[in-house]
């Protein structure tokens, strides 16, 4: 019986997925309490983390609120924008590659 030769597969190197930052920007109309709520509900931050991030956003033009794979970052940004629109707030969130 002939021996079968096993074909060697070319070596493939797995790379970790690219990471994306979700940046939340300050505005003069979105209440701080709403921002804290979004950070807790959508981004899974503790109340203390959410308040600290909100203050960072408030004192500057914006802040990174999380770093995720592309799909997760986009989903969190979309959910944030949908919730802000429902409440009538002009909150702006952006997803950028790390």
Protein backbone atom coordinates (compact mmCIF):
# COMPACT_ATOMS: atom_id res chain seq x y z
CA UNK A 1 0.00 0.00 0.00
CA UNK A 2 1.53 3.36 -1.01
CA UNK A 3 2.27 5.82 1.72
CA UNK A 4 0.34 9.03 1.49
CA UNK A 5 2.34 12.16 1.74
CA UNK A 6 1.06 14.79 4.03
CA UNK A 7 1.03 18.19 2.49
CA UNK A 8 2.60 20.81 4.61
CA UNK A 9 0.59 23.92 5.05
CA UNK A 10 2.47 27.16 4.74
CA UNK A 11 3.18 28.67 8.09
CA UNK A 12 0.55 31.21 8.96
CA UNK A 13 1.14 33.72 11.64
CA UNK A 14 -1.89 34.83 13.56
CA UNK A 15 -1.91 38.47 14.50
CA UNK A 16 -4.02 40.03 17.18
CA UNK A 17 -6.91 42.06 15.78
CA UNK A 18 -6.47 45.78 15.35
CA UNK A 19 -7.74 47.85 18.25
CA UNK A 20 -9.94 50.92 17.99
CA UNK A 21 -10.38 53.79 20.43
CA UNK A 22 -13.83 55.14 21.18
CA UNK A 23 -13.51 58.88 21.81
CA UNK A 24 -16.31 60.87 23.42
CA UNK A 25 -16.31 64.63 22.86
CA UNK A 26 -17.41 67.45 25.14
CA UNK A 27 -20.34 69.69 24.23
CA UNK A 28 -22.26 72.40 26.06
CA UNK A 29 -25.66 70.68 25.98
CA UNK A 30 -25.38 67.01 27.00
CA UNK A 31 -25.90 66.71 30.78
CA UNK A 32 -23.05 65.24 32.80
CA UNK A 33 -25.47 62.74 34.36
CA UNK A 34 -26.36 61.40 30.92
CA UNK A 35 -22.68 60.94 30.03
CA UNK A 36 -22.07 59.08 33.31
CA UNK A 37 -25.10 56.87 32.63
CA UNK A 38 -23.87 56.02 29.11
CA UNK A 39 -20.40 55.20 30.40
CA UNK A 40 -21.89 52.85 32.98
CA UNK A 41 -24.55 51.20 30.78
CA UNK A 42 -22.80 50.93 27.42
CA UNK A 43 -19.11 50.93 28.33
CA UNK A 44 -19.41 48.93 31.56
CA UNK A 45 -17.60 51.48 33.72
CA UNK A 46 -18.07 51.63 37.47
CA UNK A 47 -19.72 54.77 38.79
CA UNK A 48 -16.36 56.10 39.98
CA UNK A 49 -14.69 55.42 36.61
CA UNK A 50 -17.62 56.98 34.76
CA UNK A 51 -17.52 60.16 36.85
CA UNK A 52 -13.75 60.44 36.42
CA UNK A 53 -14.00 59.96 32.64
CA UNK A 54 -16.89 62.42 32.41
CA UNK A 55 -14.83 65.06 34.22
CA UNK A 56 -11.92 64.42 31.86
CA UNK A 57 -14.24 64.87 28.88
CA UNK A 58 -15.74 68.00 30.42
CA UNK A 59 -12.38 69.63 31.15
CA UNK A 60 -10.92 68.94 27.69
CA UNK A 61 -12.27 68.52 24.20
CA UNK A 62 -12.75 64.78 24.66
CA UNK A 63 -11.35 61.54 26.02
CA UNK A 64 -10.87 57.90 25.11
CA UNK A 65 -13.61 55.96 26.88
CA UNK A 66 -12.55 52.50 25.72
CA UNK A 67 -10.39 50.48 23.34
CA UNK A 68 -11.93 47.49 21.57
CA UNK A 69 -11.88 45.45 18.40
CA UNK A 70 -13.51 47.24 15.46
CA UNK A 71 -16.95 45.63 15.64
CA UNK A 72 -17.29 46.14 19.38
CA UNK A 73 -16.05 49.74 19.19
CA UNK A 74 -18.51 50.55 16.40
CA UNK A 75 -21.40 48.88 18.23
CA UNK A 76 -20.71 50.82 21.43
CA UNK A 77 -20.38 54.09 19.49
CA UNK A 78 -23.61 53.42 17.56
CA UNK A 79 -25.51 52.52 20.75
CA UNK A 80 -24.24 55.71 22.39
CA UNK A 81 -25.28 57.88 19.45
CA UNK A 82 -28.71 56.21 19.25
CA UNK A 83 -29.35 56.81 22.95
CA UNK A 84 -28.17 60.43 22.72
CA UNK A 85 -30.44 61.06 19.70
CA UNK A 86 -33.41 59.51 21.52
CA UNK A 87 -32.83 61.95 24.37
CA UNK A 88 -32.23 64.88 22.02
CA UNK A 89 -28.56 65.41 22.94
CA UNK A 90 -25.82 66.33 20.45
CA UNK A 91 -23.24 64.01 22.04
CA UNK A 92 -20.49 63.09 19.58
CA UNK A 93 -18.54 59.83 19.65
CA UNK A 94 -15.83 58.75 17.21
CA UNK A 95 -14.05 55.45 16.55
CA UNK A 96 -10.40 55.69 15.48
CA UNK A 97 -7.76 53.03 14.91
CA UNK A 98 -5.20 52.82 17.69
